[in-house]
Amino acid sequence: MAYVGPAQRRQGVYCHEHWTPVGYPLLSSNYNYTVKDAFVEATLTETYQAQTNVERQVSYIFEVPPEASVVRFSAQVGNTKVEAIVDEKAEADRKYQQAQTAGVQAWKLDKVNDEVFQISLGNVSPKSTIIVRVTYVHVISSDTIEDSIRLTIPAGLAARPGVAPASQTTVPTAPTGANAITITVGIEAEGGAEILNLNSLSHHANITIGFSDDSFKALSPAQQHQVFDPRKAYVELTSTQFLRNHFVLVWTVPWIDQARCVVERLSPQITGKPQTLAFALTLVSNLRLLPEEHEYIFLVDYSGSMSGSRIQTANYIVKTMLTQLPTEKKSIFNIYYFNTSASSVIPGGRSLGYDTNNVSTAVSQLKASASGGTDINAALTTVLKQRNPSQPRCSIIVITDGLDWGVTAAMQTVQRNVTAAAAQAKLLRVFVMGLGDDVSRASRSFKSTTIGI
């Protein structure tokens, strides 16, 4: 996908040995998204050029939403094209190694973590053109506004502390051109609801209401009027330069927040195999929680990437929320800062009673500077161990720019502790407020909010 920043991409084609930054430059990226109701099918097509004089083994690394399933993959290297088949991991590894040993060109897709996949493209000949095409599906994420949803197309993997998916990075050395980036998004609402307030929050894109593809371009105004459908929309962006920021769309559809189920039958049917159905569910809680005794814990990132306006914004969020929390007389609160470790700003570290004087004392201890790396999992582990176990309810609000490769471990920590709390008839919730464009989207276990800085 298109790179982040002026110097490096964090994904793309790279060589396992004799790595050079200009070996396999990106020529173009094409994103084709189809959104029906709250369900997305996305196809990414990227073209690279092997600028080497020897045959080398290369891989392709890319990012998808953490809740997505990769359903199709093809790669074309020179005149050779391969369509992927699905195998058990051990069997796929065996077949791939067998092909490599025999000198046969082979491809293999591996899941690195919830967001990142890596494809081994095998041996690539000098000057070959490499075209990779990946299709994945997922349920679209909700936005913070009622009946509003957000689609994010990632520009690339951000630089984060921790163990990255690959030690190598690729550098965008290809010249810009007319088709460096192409993004098309076709949207169709279900159930007779109209699409409202469709906006691109990140780029100046062409937005057309009434159509879900570009077929309207060949029609006269009178013909467009005849087939116009307010349940459809089409978004198009072309760029002569690779993207520096994620592409973000937000739109509103009445009643999109309601629970729904979509069933799709495999078509065409595979001869000799039973018919299969795919189910996609969105579940919506209808619980109305009362403000019983509660412990509120703010976990604020103050690593180096939070310097400047971000740490100021984080402090402002803490101050604002501390004046608006629902509470009973016995509710308590705490504020932790974290980089590679976490510590409370309150003397003694114990949560204080939620009242005006204690809030004023705690706010006076907020940090104005930021430094160090990021370890969200270590911070959550500390807070979960030190929270007050006597409180029937606990809410942890994490405020971070998300530059951390350890998000998967953090989700597992949260899931484990939430399950343990539920077994004791207690409520534990973790919320995330993300600052900036680089926040990891591997947060399906969290209730998340994103704020652009």
Protein backbone atom coordinates (compact mmCIF):
# COMPACT_ATOMS: atom_id res chain seq x y z
CA MET A 1 0.00 0.00 0.00
CA ALA A 2 1.07 3.58 -0.43
CA TYR A 3 3.84 4.57 1.90
CA VAL A 4 3.74 6.61 5.09
CA GLY A 5 6.24 9.43 5.48
CA PRO A 6 8.90 10.85 3.16
CA ALA A 7 11.53 8.16 3.77
CA GLN A 8 10.16 4.66 4.13
CA ARG A 9 7.25 2.36 3.54
CA ARG A 10 6.65 -0.24 6.20
CA GLN A 11 5.29 -2.74 3.71
CA GLY A 12 5.74 -3.90 0.17
CA VAL A 13 8.08 -6.21 -1.75
CA TYR A 14 11.48 -6.92 -0.21
CA CYS A 15 14.32 -9.40 -0.69
CA HIS A 16 15.29 -11.90 2.02
CA GLU A 17 18.99 -11.70 1.18
CA HIS A 18 21.22 -9.03 -0.36
CA TRP A 19 18.56 -6.49 0.52
CA THR A 20 18.85 -3.07 -1.12
CA PRO A 21 16.30 -0.29 -0.77
CA VAL A 22 15.93 0.27 -4.50
CA GLY A 23 15.58 -3.36 -5.52
CA TYR A 24 11.79 -3.56 -5.92
CA PRO A 25 10.17 -0.12 -6.15
CA LEU A 26 6.41 0.35 -6.09
CA LEU A 27 4.95 1.60 -9.38
CA SER A 28 1.24 1.83 -8.52
CA SER A 29 -1.43 0.91 -5.98
CA ASN A 30 -5.09 0.35 -6.81
CA TYR A 31 -7.76 -0.03 -4.13
CA ASN A 32 -11.23 -1.22 -5.15
CA TYR A 33 -13.76 -1.37 -2.31
CA THR A 34 -17.38 -2.49 -2.39
CA VAL A 35 -19.49 -1.70 0.68
CA LYS A 36 -22.92 -3.29 1.05
CA ASP A 37 -24.71 -2.28 4.22
CA ALA A 38 -22.01 -2.75 6.91
CA PHE A 39 -19.95 -5.34 5.00
CA VAL A 40 -16.87 -4.65 2.91
CA GLU A 41 -15.11 -6.51 0.12
CA ALA A 42 -11.78 -4.91 -0.74
CA THR A 43 -9.25 -5.70 -3.45
CA LEU A 44 -5.75 -4.25 -3.39
CA THR A 45 -3.65 -4.47 -6.56
CA GLU A 46 -0.02 -3.33 -6.50
CA THR A 47 2.64 -3.32 -9.20
CA TYR A 48 6.39 -3.47 -8.55
CA GLN A 49 9.45 -3.62 -10.78
CA ALA A 50 12.44 -5.88 -10.00
CA GLN A 51 15.45 -3.62 -10.61
CA THR A 52 18.07 -6.29 -10.02
CA ASN A 53 20.55 -8.16 -12.20
CA VAL A 54 20.27 -11.52 -10.38
CA GLU A 55 17.43 -13.83 -9.37
CA ARG A 56 16.39 -13.36 -5.74
CA GLN A 57 13.83 -14.70 -3.29
CA VAL A 58 11.36 -11.98 -2.26
CA SER A 59 8.28 -11.52 -0.08
CA TYR A 60 5.38 -9.10 0.01
CA ILE A 61 4.06 -7.72 3.32
CA PHE A 62 0.75 -5.88 3.68
CA GLU A 63 -1.82 -4.74 6.22
CA VAL A 64 -5.56 -5.44 6.43
CA PRO A 65 -8.13 -4.52 9.10
CA PRO A 66 -7.66 -6.81 12.12
CA GLU A 67 -11.14 -8.29 11.77
CA ALA A 68 -10.72 -9.05 8.04
CA SER A 69 -10.49 -12.43 6.31
CA VAL A 70 -8.32 -12.77 3.22
CA VAL A 71 -10.41 -14.65 0.65
CA ARG A 72 -8.40 -14.43 -2.57
CA PHE A 73 -4.81 -13.88 -3.58
CA SER A 74 -3.00 -13.92 -6.91
CA ALA A 75 0.50 -12.98 -7.95
CA GLN A 76 2.01 -12.44 -11.35
CA VAL A 77 5.78 -12.36 -11.72
CA GLY A 78 6.86 -11.79 -15.31
CA ASN A 79 4.76 -14.12 -17.44
CA THR A 80 3.87 -16.47 -14.57
CA LYS A 81 0.55 -16.10 -12.75
CA VAL A 82 -0.60 -18.11 -9.75
CA GLU A 83 -3.96 -18.23 -7.95
CA ALA A 84 -3.76 -19.20 -4.28
CA ILE A 85 -5.39 -22.29 -2.75
CA VAL A 86 -6.14 -22.79 0.96
CA ASP A 87 -4.22 -25.44 2.92
CA GLU A 88 -3.49 -26.22 6.56
CA LYS A 89 -0.44 -24.25 7.70
CA ALA A 90 1.83 -27.25 8.17
CA GLU A 91 0.86 -28.71 4.81
CA ALA A 92 1.28 -25.34 3.09
CA ASP A 93 4.76 -24.96 4.61
CA ARG A 94 5.72 -28.46 3.45
CA LYS A 95 4.51 -27.89 -0.12
CA TYR A 96 6.21 -24.50 -0.33
CA GLN A 97 9.55 -25.83 0.90
CA GLN A 98 9.27 -28.79 -1.46
CA ALA A 99 8.72 -26.46 -4.40
CA GLN A 100 11.64 -24.23 -3.38
CA THR A 101 13.95 -27.25 -3.13
CA ALA A 102 12.89 -28.41 -6.56
CA GLY A 103 13.52 -24.97 -8.04
CA VAL A 104 9.82 -24.45 -8.79
CA GLN A 105 8.37 -20.96 -8.42
CA ALA A 106 5.91 -20.92 -5.49
CA TRP A 107 3.86 -18.51 -3.37
CA LYS A 108 2.78 -18.73 0.28
CA LEU A 109 0.64 -16.44 2.45
CA ASP A 110 1.31 -16.27 6.21
CA LYS A 111 -0.57 -14.37 8.91
CA VAL A 112 2.01 -12.44 10.94
CA ASN A 113 -0.48 -10.94 13.42
CA ASP A 114 -4.06 -9.62 13.45
CA GLU A 115 -3.23 -6.84 11.00
CA VAL A 116 -0.26 -7.98 8.95
CA PHE A 117 0.12 -10.71 6.34
CA GLN A 118 3.25 -11.77 4.49
CA ILE A 119 3.41 -13.56 1.14
CA SER A 120 6.50 -15.42 -0.01
CA LEU A 121 6.72 -14.82 -3.74
CA GLY A 122 9.56 -17.24 -4.37
CA ASN A 123 12.43 -16.58 -6.77
CA VAL A 124 12.02 -13.47 -8.94
CA SER A 125 14.01 -13.01 -12.14
CA PRO A 126 15.83 -9.76 -12.98
CA LYS A 127 13.72 -6.92 -14.41
CA SER A 128 10.47 -8.81 -13.78
CA THR A 129 7.21 -6.95 -13.20
CA ILE A 130 5.50 -8.10 -10.00
CA ILE A 131 1.72 -7.70 -9.65
CA VAL A 132 0.03 -8.82 -6.44
CA ARG A 133 -3.73 -8.81 -5.89
CA VAL A 134 -5.30 -9.43 -2.47
CA THR A 135 -9.03 -9.57 -1.69
CA TYR A 136 -10.34 -9.49 1.86
CA VAL A 137 -13.71 -9.01 3.55
CA HIS A 138 -14.69 -7.51 6.89
CA VAL A 139 -17.48 -5.81 8.82
CA ILE A 140 -17.10 -2.05 8.74
CA SER A 141 -16.39 -0.26 12.00
CA SER A 142 -18.83 2.12 13.65
CA ASP A 143 -18.05 5.79 14.03
CA THR A 144 -18.68 7.68 17.26
CA ILE A 145 -21.86 9.36 15.93
CA GLU A 146 -25.13 7.43 16.03
CA ASP A 147 -25.86 5.50 12.80
CA SER A 148 -22.58 6.69 11.32
CA ILE A 149 -19.83 4.41 10.04
CA ARG A 150 -16.20 4.91 9.11
CA LEU A 151 -14.08 3.26 6.42
CA THR A 152 -10.30 3.55 6.71
CA ILE A 153 -7.96 2.52 3.90
CA PRO A 154 -4.48 2.32 5.44
CA ALA A 155 -1.64 4.14 3.75
CA GLY A 156 0.92 1.79 5.27
CA LEU A 157 2.32 0.34 8.45
CA ALA A 158 3.44 3.04 10.86
CA ALA A 159 6.82 2.92 12.59
CA ARG A 160 6.23 1.41 16.02
CA PRO A 161 8.42 0.18 18.87
CA GLY A 162 8.53 -3.54 19.56
CA VAL A 163 8.95 -6.57 17.31
CA ALA A 164 7.87 -5.64 13.79
CA PRO A 165 6.55 -8.18 11.23
CA ALA A 166 9.76 -7.89 9.21
CA SER A 167 13.18 -6.43 9.86
CA GLN A 168 13.31 -5.02 6.36
CA THR A 169 11.43 -2.03 5.03
CA THR A 170 10.99 -0.92 1.46
CA VAL A 171 11.67 2.56 0.14
CA PRO A 172 9.45 4.33 -2.44
CA THR A 173 11.98 5.00 -5.17
CA ALA A 174 9.68 4.81 -8.19
CA PRO A 175 8.85 8.14 -9.90
CA THR A 176 5.34 9.46 -9.41
CA GLY A 177 2.93 9.03 -12.32
CA ALA A 178 -0.64 9.50 -13.43
CA ASN A 179 -1.78 6.31 -11.72
CA ALA A 180 0.40 6.13 -8.61
CA ILE A 181 -2.73 5.76 -6.47
CA THR A 182 -6.28 4.91 -7.51
CA ILE A 183 -9.05 4.43 -4.93
CA THR A 184 -12.66 3.56 -5.78
CA VAL A 185 -15.37 2.87 -3.21
CA GLY A 186 -18.87 1.76 -4.18
CA ILE A 187 -21.44 1.97 -1.37
CA GLU A 188 -24.92 0.45 -1.23
CA ALA A 189 -27.26 0.83 1.75
CA GLU A 190 -29.80 -1.88 2.51
CA GLY A 191 -33.42 -1.80 3.58
CA GLY A 192 -34.46 1.34 1.71
CA ALA A 193 -32.32 3.69 3.83
CA GLU A 194 -30.61 6.61 2.09
CA ILE A 195 -26.92 7.46 2.39
CA LEU A 196 -26.46 10.77 4.21
CA ASN A 197 -23.51 13.06 5.01
CA LEU A 198 -20.87 11.15 3.03
CA ASN A 199 -17.50 12.87 3.46
CA SER A 200 -13.83 12.15 2.98
CA LEU A 201 -12.08 13.32 6.16
CA SER A 202 -8.56 12.94 4.80
CA HIS A 203 -8.40 13.75 1.07
CA HIS A 204 -10.17 15.72 -1.65
CA ALA A 205 -12.05 12.86 -3.30
CA ASN A 206 -14.80 12.91 -5.93
CA ILE A 207 -18.10 11.87 -4.30
CA THR A 208 -21.20 11.01 -6.32
CA ILE A 209 -24.53 10.11 -4.69
CA GLY A 210 -26.95 7.88 -6.59
CA PHE A 211 -24.56 5.34 -8.13
CA SER A 212 -22.30 2.60 -6.74
CA ASP A 213 -19.85 2.49 -9.67
CA ASP A 214 -18.59 4.72 -12.49
CA SER A 215 -21.26 3.67 -15.01
CA PHE A 216 -22.94 7.07 -14.62
CA LYS A 217 -20.05 8.72 -16.46
CA ALA A 218 -21.31 7.32 -19.77
CA LEU A 219 -24.88 8.54 -19.17
CA SER A 220 -26.52 11.82 -20.07
CA PRO A 221 -28.04 13.91 -17.23
CA ALA A 222 -31.51 12.70 -18.22
CA GLN A 223 -30.38 9.07 -18.14
CA GLN A 224 -28.68 9.60 -14.79
CA HIS A 225 -31.93 11.00 -13.40
CA GLN A 226 -33.82 7.87 -14.47
CA VAL A 227 -31.53 5.44 -12.65
CA PHE A 228 -30.54 7.64 -9.69
CA ASP A 229 -30.74 5.74 -6.38
CA PRO A 230 -30.17 7.63 -3.07
CA ARG A 231 -29.18 4.32 -1.42
CA LYS A 232 -25.98 4.27 -3.49
CA ALA A 233 -22.78 6.33 -3.57
CA TYR A 234 -19.47 6.25 -5.41
CA VAL A 235 -16.14 7.71 -4.25
CA GLU A 236 -13.08 8.06 -6.45
CA LEU A 237 -9.57 9.35 -5.79
CA THR A 238 -6.59 9.41 -8.14
CA SER A 239 -3.20 10.72 -7.12
CA THR A 240 0.13 11.27 -8.84
CA GLN A 241 1.88 10.79 -5.50
CA PHE A 242 1.77 8.00 -2.95
CA LEU A 243 -0.36 8.66 0.13
CA ARG A 244 1.15 10.00 3.34
CA ASN A 245 -2.04 9.59 5.40
CA HIS A 246 -4.77 7.00 5.65
CA PHE A 247 -7.82 7.51 3.41
CA VAL A 248 -10.88 7.96 5.65
CA LEU A 249 -14.56 8.04 4.68
CA VAL A 250 -17.48 8.64 7.04
CA TRP A 251 -21.17 8.49 6.20
CA THR A 252 -24.54 8.07 7.88
CA VAL A 253 -27.27 5.53 7.18
CA PRO A 254 -30.41 5.51 9.36
CA TRP A 255 -30.65 2.42 11.60
CA ILE A 256 -27.20 1.11 10.61
CA ASP A 257 -26.47 0.60 14.33
CA GLN A 258 -29.12 -2.11 14.59
CA ALA A 259 -28.09 -5.77 14.76
CA ARG A 260 -28.11 -7.58 11.43
CA CYS A 261 -27.20 -10.86 9.76
CA VAL A 262 -26.21 -11.39 6.12
CA VAL A 263 -26.02 -14.86 4.56
CA GLU A 264 -24.16 -15.56 1.34
CA ARG A 265 -24.15 -18.83 -0.63
CA LEU A 266 -21.00 -20.03 -2.37
CA SER A 267 -21.29 -19.33 -6.08
CA PRO A 268 -20.46 -21.01 -8.35
CA GLN A 269 -20.99 -24.33 -6.59
CA ILE A 270 -17.91 -26.58 -6.47
CA THR A 271 -18.66 -29.94 -8.04
CA GLY A 272 -18.54 -32.83 -5.59
CA LYS A 273 -18.55 -30.65 -2.47
CA PRO A 274 -21.51 -29.79 -0.24
CA GLN A 275 -23.10 -26.38 -0.50
CA THR A 276 -21.73 -23.91 2.08
CA LEU A 277 -23.10 -20.69 3.53
CA ALA A 278 -21.18 -17.72 4.94
CA PHE A 279 -22.74 -15.74 7.79
CA ALA A 280 -21.81 -12.18 8.78
CA LEU A 281 -23.24 -10.89 12.04
CA THR A 282 -23.24 -7.54 13.79
CA LEU A 283 -24.34 -7.67 17.42
CA VAL A 284 -25.53 -4.62 19.33
CA SER A 285 -25.83 -4.53 23.11
CA ASN A 286 -29.09 -3.19 24.56
CA LEU A 287 -27.80 -3.06 28.15
CA ARG A 288 -28.42 0.12 30.10
CA LEU A 289 -25.83 0.24 32.89
CA LEU A 290 -26.57 2.24 36.03
CA PRO A 291 -23.78 4.39 37.56
CA GLU A 292 -23.11 2.13 40.55
CA GLU A 293 -19.87 2.23 42.53
CA HIS A 294 -17.16 2.46 39.92
CA GLU A 295 -13.40 2.75 39.54
CA TYR A 296 -12.26 4.93 36.62
CA ILE A 297 -8.64 4.56 35.52
CA PHE A 298 -7.01 6.77 32.88
CA LEU A 299 -3.97 5.17 31.21
CA VAL A 300 -2.17 7.90 29.27
CA ASP A 301 0.63 7.27 26.76
CA TYR A 302 3.58 9.63 27.26
CA SER A 303 6.11 7.90 25.00
CA GLY A 304 8.27 9.98 22.66
CA SER A 305 5.77 9.95 19.80
CA MET A 306 3.25 11.72 22.08
CA SER A 307 5.46 14.82 22.42
CA GLY A 308 4.03 18.25 21.72
CA SER A 309 0.35 18.66 20.85
CA ARG A 310 -0.57 15.02 21.47
CA ILE A 311 0.37 14.95 25.16
CA GLN A 312 -1.39 18.29 25.57
CA THR A 313 -4.51 16.87 23.93
CA ALA A 314 -4.33 13.73 26.09
CA ASN A 315 -4.16 15.85 29.27
CA TYR A 316 -7.08 17.93 28.08
CA ILE A 317 -9.14 14.77 27.51
CA VAL A 318 -8.37 13.56 31.04
CA LYS A 319 -9.33 16.91 32.58
CA THR A 320 -12.56 17.10 30.57
CA MET A 321 -13.68 13.54 31.27
CA LEU A 322 -12.95 13.84 34.99
CA THR A 323 -15.61 16.54 35.22
CA GLN A 324 -18.26 14.51 33.38
CA LEU A 325 -18.06 10.89 34.62
CA PRO A 326 -21.26 9.28 35.91
CA THR A 327 -20.70 8.44 39.56
CA GLU A 328 -21.99 7.36 42.94
CA LYS A 329 -20.56 8.63 46.22
CA LYS A 330 -18.25 5.64 46.60
CA SER A 331 -16.74 5.82 43.09
CA ILE A 332 -12.95 6.25 42.80
CA PHE A 333 -10.46 7.23 40.10
CA ASN A 334 -6.77 7.05 39.17
CA ILE A 335 -4.43 8.39 36.47
CA TYR A 336 -1.47 6.42 35.12
CA TYR A 337 1.16 7.49 32.59
CA PHE A 338 2.99 4.85 30.56
CA ASN A 339 5.75 4.35 28.03
CA THR A 340 7.55 1.01 28.49
CA SER A 341 6.18 0.87 32.06
CA ALA A 342 3.27 2.47 33.91
CA SER A 343 3.00 4.44 37.15
CA SER A 344 0.28 6.44 38.87
CA VAL A 345 0.55 10.23 39.20
CA ILE A 346 -1.25 10.02 42.54
CA PRO A 347 1.06 9.82 45.59
CA GLY A 348 0.95 6.27 46.92
CA GLY A 349 -0.60 5.03 43.69
CA ARG A 350 -3.99 4.15 45.19
CA SER A 351 -7.21 5.38 43.59
CA LEU A 352 -8.84 8.40 45.23
CA GLY A 353 -12.47 9.11 45.98
CA TYR A 354 -14.13 10.86 43.08
CA ASP A 355 -14.70 14.40 44.37
CA THR A 356 -13.71 17.94 43.39
CA ASN A 357 -10.71 18.26 45.69
CA ASN A 358 -9.17 14.93 44.68
CA VAL A 359 -9.70 15.66 40.98
CA SER A 360 -7.96 19.03 41.38
CA THR A 361 -5.03 17.38 43.18
CA ALA A 362 -4.61 14.69 40.53
CA VAL A 363 -4.89 17.10 37.58
CA SER A 364 -2.07 19.20 39.03
CA GLN A 365 0.23 16.17 38.61
CA LEU A 366 -0.32 15.75 34.85
CA LYS A 367 2.90 15.57 32.84
CA ALA A 368 3.77 18.18 30.22
CA SER A 369 6.53 16.22 28.44
CA ALA A 370 6.84 12.80 26.81
CA SER A 371 9.71 10.38 26.17
CA GLY A 372 10.65 6.72 25.72
CA GLY A 373 9.16 3.76 23.87
CA THR A 374 5.69 2.21 24.03
CA ASP A 375 4.46 -1.02 25.63
CA ILE A 376 0.67 -1.00 25.94
CA ASN A 377 0.50 -4.60 27.14
CA ALA A 378 2.94 -3.99 30.03
CA ALA A 379 1.00 -0.86 31.02
CA LEU A 380 -2.34 -2.66 31.01
CA THR A 381 -0.88 -5.55 32.99
CA THR A 382 0.31 -3.12 35.68
CA VAL A 383 -3.00 -1.28 35.92
CA LEU A 384 -5.06 -4.47 35.99
CA LYS A 385 -2.96 -5.81 38.86
CA GLN A 386 -3.17 -2.57 40.85
CA ARG A 387 -6.86 -1.71 40.35
CA ASN A 388 -9.15 -1.91 43.38
CA PRO A 389 -10.72 -5.40 43.36
CA SER A 390 -13.47 -4.38 45.78
CA GLN A 391 -15.18 -2.16 43.22
CA PRO A 392 -17.99 -3.96 41.33
CA ARG A 393 -17.20 -2.04 38.15
CA CYS A 394 -14.00 -0.77 36.58
CA SER A 395 -13.49 1.23 33.40
CA ILE A 396 -9.98 1.74 31.99
CA ILE A 397 -9.60 4.54 29.43
CA VAL A 398 -6.42 4.19 27.36
CA ILE A 399 -5.28 7.35 25.55
CA THR A 400 -2.54 6.65 23.01
CA ASP A 401 -1.25 7.27 19.50
CA GLY A 402 -0.96 3.48 19.23
CA LEU A 403 2.62 3.23 17.93
CA ASP A 404 3.21 -0.25 19.33
CA TRP A 405 3.55 -3.70 17.76
CA GLY A 406 2.31 -5.36 20.99
CA VAL A 407 -1.40 -4.66 20.53
CA THR A 408 -2.28 -8.34 20.00
CA ALA A 409 -0.78 -9.25 23.39
CA ALA A 410 -2.65 -6.32 24.95
CA MET A 411 -5.95 -7.62 23.58
CA GLN A 412 -5.26 -11.06 25.02
CA THR A 413 -4.51 -9.49 28.41
CA VAL A 414 -7.78 -7.57 28.32
CA GLN A 415 -9.80 -10.62 27.26
CA ARG A 416 -8.29 -12.74 30.03
CA ASN A 417 -9.02 -10.15 32.75
CA VAL A 418 -12.53 -9.35 31.48
CA THR A 419 -13.40 -13.05 31.58
CA ALA A 420 -12.02 -13.38 35.12
CA ALA A 421 -14.02 -10.34 36.29
CA ALA A 422 -17.22 -11.70 34.74
CA ALA A 423 -16.72 -15.00 36.57
CA GLN A 424 -16.87 -12.98 39.82
CA ALA A 425 -20.01 -11.13 38.66
CA LYS A 426 -18.01 -7.92 38.18
CA LEU A 427 -17.78 -5.61 35.19
CA LEU A 428 -14.44 -4.69 33.60
CA ARG A 429 -14.29 -2.57 30.45
CA VAL A 430 -11.37 -1.11 28.49
CA PHE A 431 -11.84 1.84 26.14
CA VAL A 432 -9.27 3.30 23.72
CA MET A 433 -9.02 6.87 22.49
CA GLY A 434 -6.58 6.98 19.59
CA LEU A 435 -4.67 10.16 18.67
CA GLY A 436 -3.49 10.69 15.10
CA ASP A 437 -3.43 8.56 11.93
CA ASP A 438 -1.05 5.81 13.07
CA VAL A 439 -3.20 4.13 15.72
CA SER A 440 -3.21 0.36 15.34
CA ARG A 441 -6.63 -0.88 14.32
CA ALA A 442 -6.09 -4.23 16.03
CA SER A 443 -8.51 -3.23 18.75
CA ARG A 444 -11.55 -5.42 18.19
CA SER A 445 -11.57 -6.30 21.90
CA PHE A 446 -11.64 -2.63 22.83
CA LYS A 447 -14.34 -0.02 22.45
CA SER A 448 -12.41 2.60 20.53
CA THR A 449 -12.61 6.24 19.55
CA THR A 450 -10.24 7.99 17.14
CA ILE A 451 -9.25 11.65 17.30
CA GLY A 452 -7.21 13.17 14.46
CA ILE A 453 -4.32 15.41 15.50
